[in-house]
């Protein structure tokens, strides 16, 4: 398989850290044509449609709803497609590894800011895949009840 196009999470502003995947219209292994929508993403400023620059077979490294760090690989388009690479089955959006078993949890930037401001222990979010401000506020409400 030869990579024809690499699709990475764009950084629209200097302060941008993540993009949100809002739509994944195909599935890994699908044949797509030049100009087809490969992904729709949302940044802090706008929503963007990413189109195929060439005909080929798509492989995704993300799914709808993921918050992905900028410059991360989102998808590849190949000249042929046999089976997904190991990378497409591995989680893309991980926090830095830590010793508390929280390395599979992704925290939104605003959630992290609130956690730090309220001096919460991140272990409160064990079992979460992705932590939002709403999740942090729910934990705060429970602790104040």
N, C-alpha and C. Protein backbone atom coordinates (compact mmCIF):
# COMPACT_ATOMS: atom_id res chain seq x y z
N UNK A 1 0.85 -1.18 0.00
CA UNK A 1 0.00 0.00 0.00
C UNK A 1 0.89 1.24 0.00
N UNK A 2 0.61 2.14 -0.89
CA UNK A 2 1.35 3.39 -0.97
C UNK A 2 0.44 4.52 -0.53
N UNK A 3 0.92 5.38 0.37
CA UNK A 3 0.14 6.52 0.84
C UNK A 3 0.10 7.57 -0.25
N UNK A 4 -1.11 7.96 -0.64
CA UNK A 4 -1.30 9.00 -1.65
C UNK A 4 -1.56 10.37 -1.01
N UNK A 5 -2.18 10.34 0.17
CA UNK A 5 -2.48 11.59 0.88
C UNK A 5 -2.51 11.31 2.38
N UNK A 6 -1.80 12.15 3.14
CA UNK A 6 -1.87 12.12 4.60
C UNK A 6 -2.75 13.28 5.02
N UNK A 7 -3.68 13.01 5.93
CA UNK A 7 -4.56 14.07 6.42
C UNK A 7 -4.29 14.25 7.91
N UNK A 8 -3.82 15.45 8.25
CA UNK A 8 -3.49 15.75 9.64
C UNK A 8 -4.43 16.81 10.19
N UNK A 9 -4.55 16.84 11.51
CA UNK A 9 -5.39 17.84 12.18
C UNK A 9 -4.73 19.20 12.02
N UNK A 10 -5.41 20.13 11.36
CA UNK A 10 -4.80 21.43 11.11
C UNK A 10 -4.76 22.30 12.37
N UNK A 11 -3.77 23.18 12.42
CA UNK A 11 -3.69 24.16 13.49
C UNK A 11 -4.04 25.51 12.89
N UNK A 12 -5.25 25.97 13.17
CA UNK A 12 -5.75 27.21 12.57
C UNK A 12 -5.24 28.46 13.27
N UNK A 13 -4.98 28.35 14.58
CA UNK A 13 -4.43 29.48 15.33
C UNK A 13 -3.28 28.97 16.18
N UNK A 14 -2.42 29.88 16.61
CA UNK A 14 -1.26 29.49 17.41
C UNK A 14 -1.65 28.85 18.74
N UNK A 15 -2.81 29.25 19.27
CA UNK A 15 -3.23 28.72 20.57
C UNK A 15 -4.05 27.42 20.45
N UNK A 16 -4.36 27.02 19.23
CA UNK A 16 -5.16 25.81 19.00
C UNK A 16 -4.39 24.58 19.44
N UNK A 17 -5.00 23.75 20.29
CA UNK A 17 -4.35 22.53 20.74
C UNK A 17 -5.05 21.28 20.23
N UNK A 18 -6.37 21.36 20.02
CA UNK A 18 -7.16 20.21 19.61
C UNK A 18 -8.14 20.60 18.52
N UNK A 19 -8.54 19.63 17.73
CA UNK A 19 -9.69 19.77 16.83
C UNK A 19 -10.67 18.67 17.22
N UNK A 20 -11.94 18.89 16.93
CA UNK A 20 -12.98 17.90 17.22
C UNK A 20 -13.45 17.31 15.91
N UNK A 21 -13.52 15.99 15.85
CA UNK A 21 -14.02 15.30 14.66
C UNK A 21 -15.54 15.32 14.73
N UNK A 22 -16.18 16.01 13.78
CA UNK A 22 -17.64 16.12 13.81
C UNK A 22 -18.34 15.15 12.87
N UNK A 23 -17.63 14.68 11.85
CA UNK A 23 -18.24 13.72 10.91
C UNK A 23 -17.17 12.88 10.24
N UNK A 24 -17.43 11.57 10.19
CA UNK A 24 -16.59 10.62 9.47
C UNK A 24 -17.54 9.91 8.51
N UNK A 25 -17.70 10.44 7.28
CA UNK A 25 -18.74 9.96 6.38
C UNK A 25 -18.49 8.59 5.73
N UNK A 26 -17.28 8.09 5.81
CA UNK A 26 -16.95 6.79 5.22
C UNK A 26 -16.44 5.88 6.32
N UNK A 27 -16.06 4.68 5.93
CA UNK A 27 -15.40 3.80 6.90
C UNK A 27 -14.06 3.34 6.32
N UNK A 28 -13.18 2.92 7.20
CA UNK A 28 -11.87 2.45 6.77
C UNK A 28 -12.02 1.37 5.71
N UNK A 29 -11.26 1.53 4.63
CA UNK A 29 -11.29 0.58 3.52
C UNK A 29 -12.17 1.01 2.37
N UNK A 30 -13.01 2.04 2.57
CA UNK A 30 -13.88 2.52 1.49
C UNK A 30 -13.06 3.20 0.39
N UNK A 31 -13.51 3.02 -0.85
CA UNK A 31 -12.91 3.72 -1.98
C UNK A 31 -13.56 5.09 -2.08
N UNK A 32 -12.75 6.14 -2.16
CA UNK A 32 -13.27 7.49 -2.31
C UNK A 32 -12.64 8.14 -3.53
N UNK A 33 -13.34 9.14 -4.04
CA UNK A 33 -12.87 9.85 -5.22
C UNK A 33 -12.38 11.25 -4.84
N UNK A 34 -11.51 11.80 -5.67
CA UNK A 34 -11.01 13.15 -5.48
C UNK A 34 -12.20 14.09 -5.31
N UNK A 35 -12.16 14.91 -4.27
CA UNK A 35 -13.23 15.86 -3.99
C UNK A 35 -14.26 15.35 -3.00
N UNK A 36 -14.27 14.05 -2.72
CA UNK A 36 -15.20 13.50 -1.71
C UNK A 36 -14.80 14.03 -0.34
N UNK A 37 -15.80 14.20 0.51
CA UNK A 37 -15.54 14.60 1.89
C UNK A 37 -14.96 13.41 2.65
N UNK A 38 -13.80 13.62 3.27
CA UNK A 38 -13.15 12.58 4.06
C UNK A 38 -13.48 12.76 5.53
N UNK A 39 -13.47 14.01 5.99
CA UNK A 39 -13.74 14.34 7.40
C UNK A 39 -14.34 15.73 7.50
N UNK A 40 -15.08 15.93 8.57
CA UNK A 40 -15.47 17.27 8.96
C UNK A 40 -14.95 17.47 10.37
N UNK A 41 -14.28 18.61 10.57
CA UNK A 41 -13.69 18.90 11.87
C UNK A 41 -14.13 20.27 12.34
N UNK A 42 -14.02 20.47 13.64
CA UNK A 42 -14.35 21.75 14.24
C UNK A 42 -13.16 22.22 15.05
N UNK A 43 -12.80 23.48 14.86
CA UNK A 43 -11.76 24.10 15.67
C UNK A 43 -12.45 25.11 16.59
N UNK A 44 -11.68 25.84 17.34
CA UNK A 44 -12.29 26.84 18.22
C UNK A 44 -12.91 27.99 17.42
N UNK A 45 -12.54 28.10 16.15
CA UNK A 45 -13.01 29.22 15.33
C UNK A 45 -14.05 28.85 14.27
N UNK A 46 -13.99 27.62 13.73
CA UNK A 46 -14.86 27.28 12.60
C UNK A 46 -14.96 25.78 12.41
N UNK A 47 -15.87 25.40 11.50
CA UNK A 47 -16.01 24.00 11.10
C UNK A 47 -15.45 23.88 9.68
N UNK A 48 -14.68 22.82 9.43
CA UNK A 48 -14.03 22.63 8.14
C UNK A 48 -14.37 21.27 7.56
N UNK A 49 -14.45 21.22 6.24
CA UNK A 49 -14.60 19.97 5.51
C UNK A 49 -13.26 19.66 4.87
N UNK A 50 -12.78 18.44 5.08
CA UNK A 50 -11.53 18.01 4.47
C UNK A 50 -11.89 17.06 3.33
N UNK A 51 -11.41 17.38 2.14
CA UNK A 51 -11.73 16.59 0.95
C UNK A 51 -10.53 15.78 0.49
N UNK A 52 -10.82 14.70 -0.21
CA UNK A 52 -9.77 13.87 -0.80
C UNK A 52 -9.11 14.64 -1.94
N UNK A 53 -7.81 14.60 -1.99
CA UNK A 53 -7.07 15.24 -3.07
C UNK A 53 -6.83 14.27 -4.22
N UNK A 54 -7.20 13.01 -4.02
CA UNK A 54 -6.95 11.97 -5.01
C UNK A 54 -7.94 10.83 -4.82
N UNK A 55 -8.12 10.00 -5.82
CA UNK A 55 -8.90 8.77 -5.67
C UNK A 55 -8.08 7.78 -4.85
N UNK A 56 -8.76 6.97 -4.04
CA UNK A 56 -8.04 5.95 -3.29
C UNK A 56 -8.88 5.35 -2.18
N UNK A 57 -8.22 4.60 -1.33
CA UNK A 57 -8.87 3.91 -0.22
C UNK A 57 -8.50 4.60 1.08
N UNK A 58 -9.51 4.91 1.89
CA UNK A 58 -9.29 5.68 3.11
C UNK A 58 -9.08 4.76 4.32
N UNK A 59 -8.19 5.20 5.19
CA UNK A 59 -8.01 4.56 6.49
C UNK A 59 -8.05 5.66 7.55
N UNK A 60 -8.96 5.51 8.53
CA UNK A 60 -9.12 6.51 9.58
C UNK A 60 -8.33 6.14 10.82
N UNK A 61 -7.82 7.18 11.49
CA UNK A 61 -7.13 7.02 12.76
C UNK A 61 -7.87 7.79 13.85
N UNK A 62 -9.15 8.07 13.61
CA UNK A 62 -9.99 8.81 14.54
C UNK A 62 -11.43 8.39 14.31
N UNK A 63 -12.30 8.85 15.20
CA UNK A 63 -13.73 8.58 15.04
C UNK A 63 -14.51 9.83 15.41
N UNK A 64 -15.76 9.85 15.01
CA UNK A 64 -16.63 10.99 15.30
C UNK A 64 -16.67 11.26 16.80
N UNK A 65 -16.53 12.53 17.15
CA UNK A 65 -16.57 12.92 18.56
C UNK A 65 -15.21 13.02 19.21
N UNK A 66 -14.16 12.48 18.57
CA UNK A 66 -12.82 12.55 19.15
C UNK A 66 -12.31 13.99 19.16
N UNK A 67 -11.61 14.35 20.21
CA UNK A 67 -10.82 15.57 20.25
C UNK A 67 -9.39 15.12 20.02
N UNK A 68 -8.80 15.61 18.95
CA UNK A 68 -7.48 15.15 18.51
C UNK A 68 -6.49 16.30 18.59
N UNK A 69 -5.29 16.07 19.12
CA UNK A 69 -4.27 17.11 19.14
C UNK A 69 -3.94 17.58 17.71
N UNK A 70 -3.71 18.89 17.55
CA UNK A 70 -3.35 19.41 16.23
C UNK A 70 -2.09 18.72 15.73
N UNK A 71 -1.98 18.64 14.43
CA UNK A 71 -0.87 18.00 13.72
C UNK A 71 -0.85 16.48 13.84
N UNK A 72 -1.86 15.87 14.48
CA UNK A 72 -1.95 14.42 14.56
C UNK A 72 -2.51 13.88 13.25
N UNK A 73 -2.11 12.67 12.90
CA UNK A 73 -2.61 12.02 11.71
C UNK A 73 -4.06 11.60 11.91
N UNK A 74 -4.95 12.05 11.03
CA UNK A 74 -6.37 11.73 11.11
C UNK A 74 -6.75 10.59 10.16
N UNK A 75 -6.13 10.58 8.98
CA UNK A 75 -6.48 9.57 7.97
C UNK A 75 -5.39 9.53 6.91
N UNK A 76 -5.35 8.43 6.19
CA UNK A 76 -4.50 8.28 5.01
C UNK A 76 -5.38 7.82 3.86
N UNK A 77 -4.97 8.18 2.65
CA UNK A 77 -5.59 7.64 1.45
C UNK A 77 -4.50 6.86 0.72
N UNK A 78 -4.83 5.59 0.38
CA UNK A 78 -3.88 4.68 -0.22
C UNK A 78 -4.26 4.34 -1.65
N UNK A 79 -3.29 3.83 -2.41
CA UNK A 79 -3.55 3.39 -3.78
C UNK A 79 -4.28 2.05 -3.80
N UNK A 80 -4.11 1.23 -2.78
CA UNK A 80 -4.84 -0.03 -2.63
C UNK A 80 -5.02 -0.26 -1.14
N UNK A 81 -5.84 -1.23 -0.77
CA UNK A 81 -6.11 -1.42 0.65
C UNK A 81 -6.31 -2.90 0.93
N UNK A 82 -5.44 -3.46 1.75
CA UNK A 82 -5.55 -4.87 2.12
C UNK A 82 -6.24 -5.04 3.46
N UNK A 83 -5.70 -4.39 4.48
CA UNK A 83 -6.28 -4.44 5.83
C UNK A 83 -5.79 -3.24 6.61
N UNK A 84 -6.52 -2.87 7.67
CA UNK A 84 -6.11 -1.71 8.46
C UNK A 84 -4.73 -1.91 9.06
N UNK A 85 -3.98 -0.83 9.15
CA UNK A 85 -2.68 -0.88 9.82
C UNK A 85 -2.89 -0.96 11.32
N UNK A 86 -1.88 -1.35 12.03
CA UNK A 86 -1.99 -1.42 13.50
C UNK A 86 -2.28 -0.04 14.08
N UNK A 87 -1.80 1.01 13.42
CA UNK A 87 -1.99 2.37 13.91
C UNK A 87 -3.46 2.76 13.92
N UNK A 88 -4.27 2.25 12.99
CA UNK A 88 -5.66 2.66 12.95
C UNK A 88 -6.47 2.04 14.07
N UNK A 89 -5.94 0.99 14.68
CA UNK A 89 -6.64 0.36 15.78
C UNK A 89 -6.17 0.88 17.13
N UNK A 90 -5.08 1.63 17.14
CA UNK A 90 -4.57 2.18 18.39
C UNK A 90 -5.23 3.51 18.68
N UNK A 91 -5.51 3.83 19.95
CA UNK A 91 -6.08 5.12 20.28
C UNK A 91 -5.13 6.24 19.86
N UNK A 92 -5.69 7.31 19.30
CA UNK A 92 -4.88 8.43 18.83
C UNK A 92 -4.77 9.50 19.89
N UNK A 93 -5.84 9.74 20.60
CA UNK A 93 -5.94 10.92 21.46
C UNK A 93 -5.71 10.57 22.92
N UNK A 94 -4.47 10.38 23.27
CA UNK A 94 -4.12 10.05 24.65
C UNK A 94 -3.45 11.23 25.32
N UNK A 95 -3.62 11.29 26.64
CA UNK A 95 -2.85 12.25 27.42
C UNK A 95 -1.46 11.68 27.61
N UNK A 96 -0.59 12.44 28.21
CA UNK A 96 0.75 11.94 28.51
C UNK A 96 0.63 10.76 29.46
N UNK A 97 1.43 9.71 29.27
CA UNK A 97 1.37 8.57 30.17
C UNK A 97 1.67 9.00 31.60
N UNK A 98 0.94 8.41 32.55
CA UNK A 98 1.24 8.67 33.94
C UNK A 98 1.15 7.37 34.72
N UNK A 99 1.55 7.44 35.96
CA UNK A 99 1.63 6.23 36.76
C UNK A 99 0.32 5.90 37.45
N UNK A 100 -0.71 6.72 37.31
CA UNK A 100 -1.98 6.49 37.99
C UNK A 100 -2.97 5.72 37.13
N UNK A 101 -2.56 5.23 35.96
CA UNK A 101 -3.48 4.50 35.10
C UNK A 101 -4.45 5.41 34.37
N UNK A 102 -4.10 6.68 34.21
CA UNK A 102 -4.98 7.64 33.55
C UNK A 102 -4.54 7.93 32.12
N UNK A 103 -3.60 7.15 31.60
CA UNK A 103 -3.02 7.46 30.30
C UNK A 103 -3.98 7.26 29.13
N UNK A 104 -5.13 6.62 29.33
CA UNK A 104 -6.10 6.44 28.25
C UNK A 104 -7.19 7.51 28.25
N UNK A 105 -7.13 8.43 29.19
CA UNK A 105 -8.17 9.46 29.31
C UNK A 105 -7.72 10.73 28.59
N UNK A 106 -8.63 11.30 27.82
CA UNK A 106 -8.38 12.58 27.16
C UNK A 106 -9.18 13.64 27.89
N UNK A 107 -8.52 14.73 28.27
CA UNK A 107 -9.17 15.85 28.93
C UNK A 107 -9.21 17.03 27.97
N UNK A 108 -10.38 17.65 27.83
CA UNK A 108 -10.43 18.87 27.02
C UNK A 108 -9.62 19.95 27.73
N UNK A 109 -9.17 20.92 26.98
CA UNK A 109 -8.35 22.00 27.54
C UNK A 109 -9.11 22.72 28.65
N UNK A 110 -10.38 23.03 28.41
CA UNK A 110 -11.16 23.75 29.41
C UNK A 110 -11.42 22.88 30.64
N UNK A 111 -11.56 21.57 30.44
CA UNK A 111 -11.75 20.66 31.59
C UNK A 111 -10.48 20.65 32.44
N UNK A 112 -9.31 20.58 31.80
CA UNK A 112 -8.05 20.61 32.54
C UNK A 112 -7.88 21.90 33.33
N UNK A 113 -8.25 23.01 32.71
CA UNK A 113 -8.14 24.29 33.41
C UNK A 113 -9.03 24.31 34.65
N UNK A 114 -10.24 23.79 34.54
CA UNK A 114 -11.17 23.75 35.67
C UNK A 114 -10.66 22.78 36.75
N UNK A 115 -10.13 21.65 36.34
CA UNK A 115 -9.57 20.67 37.29
C UNK A 115 -8.44 21.31 38.09
N UNK A 116 -7.57 22.04 37.40
CA UNK A 116 -6.46 22.70 38.09
C UNK A 116 -6.96 23.81 39.01
N UNK A 117 -7.91 24.60 38.53
CA UNK A 117 -8.45 25.71 39.32
C UNK A 117 -9.13 25.20 40.59
N UNK A 118 -9.85 24.09 40.48
CA UNK A 118 -10.57 23.52 41.62
C UNK A 118 -9.72 22.53 42.41
N UNK A 119 -8.49 22.30 41.94
CA UNK A 119 -7.55 21.39 42.58
C UNK A 119 -8.15 19.99 42.79
N UNK A 120 -8.74 19.48 41.71
CA UNK A 120 -9.31 18.13 41.74
C UNK A 120 -8.26 17.10 41.38
N UNK A 121 -8.43 15.92 41.91
CA UNK A 121 -7.56 14.79 41.59
C UNK A 121 -8.07 14.16 40.29
N UNK A 122 -7.21 14.00 39.30
CA UNK A 122 -7.61 13.43 38.01
C UNK A 122 -8.09 11.99 38.16
N UNK A 123 -7.72 11.33 39.24
CA UNK A 123 -8.18 9.95 39.45
C UNK A 123 -9.70 9.87 39.62
N UNK A 124 -10.35 11.00 39.90
CA UNK A 124 -11.82 11.04 39.98
C UNK A 124 -12.46 10.68 38.64
N UNK A 125 -11.69 10.77 37.57
CA UNK A 125 -12.22 10.55 36.22
C UNK A 125 -11.81 9.20 35.65
N UNK A 126 -11.29 8.33 36.51
CA UNK A 126 -10.92 6.98 36.08
C UNK A 126 -12.14 6.31 35.48
N UNK A 127 -11.97 5.68 34.32
CA UNK A 127 -13.09 5.03 33.64
C UNK A 127 -13.69 5.88 32.53
N UNK A 128 -13.34 7.17 32.49
CA UNK A 128 -13.80 8.06 31.43
C UNK A 128 -12.90 7.89 30.21
N UNK A 129 -13.47 8.07 29.02
CA UNK A 129 -12.67 8.11 27.80
C UNK A 129 -12.24 9.54 27.50
N UNK A 130 -13.22 10.46 27.61
CA UNK A 130 -12.98 11.86 27.31
C UNK A 130 -13.70 12.69 28.36
N UNK A 131 -12.98 13.62 28.98
CA UNK A 131 -13.53 14.43 30.06
C UNK A 131 -13.77 15.84 29.56
N UNK A 132 -15.01 16.31 29.72
CA UNK A 132 -15.40 17.66 29.32
C UNK A 132 -15.62 18.51 30.57
N UNK A 133 -15.85 19.80 30.36
CA UNK A 133 -16.17 20.70 31.47
C UNK A 133 -17.42 20.22 32.19
N UNK A 134 -18.42 19.73 31.44
CA UNK A 134 -19.64 19.23 32.06
C UNK A 134 -19.35 18.07 33.01
N UNK A 135 -18.42 17.19 32.63
CA UNK A 135 -18.04 16.08 33.50
C UNK A 135 -17.41 16.60 34.80
N UNK A 136 -16.55 17.60 34.67
CA UNK A 136 -15.89 18.17 35.84
C UNK A 136 -16.93 18.82 36.74
N UNK A 137 -17.87 19.56 36.15
CA UNK A 137 -18.91 20.22 36.93
C UNK A 137 -19.80 19.19 37.64
N UNK A 138 -20.07 18.06 37.00
CA UNK A 138 -20.84 16.99 37.65
C UNK A 138 -20.10 16.47 38.88
N UNK A 139 -18.80 16.26 38.75
CA UNK A 139 -18.00 15.79 39.89
C UNK A 139 -18.02 16.83 41.01
N UNK A 140 -17.91 18.10 40.65
CA UNK A 140 -17.94 19.17 41.65
C UNK A 140 -19.28 19.20 42.37
N UNK A 141 -20.39 19.03 41.62
CA UNK A 141 -21.72 19.02 42.25
C UNK A 141 -21.85 17.86 43.23
N UNK A 142 -21.36 16.69 42.84
CA UNK A 142 -21.44 15.51 43.71
C UNK A 142 -20.61 15.70 44.98
N UNK A 143 -19.46 16.35 44.83
CA UNK A 143 -18.61 16.53 46.01
C UNK A 143 -19.16 17.60 46.95
N UNK A 144 -19.98 18.53 46.42
CA UNK A 144 -20.59 19.57 47.25
C UNK A 144 -21.93 19.17 47.83
N UNK A 145 -22.46 18.01 47.40
CA UNK A 145 -23.77 17.58 47.86
C UNK A 145 -23.71 16.96 49.23
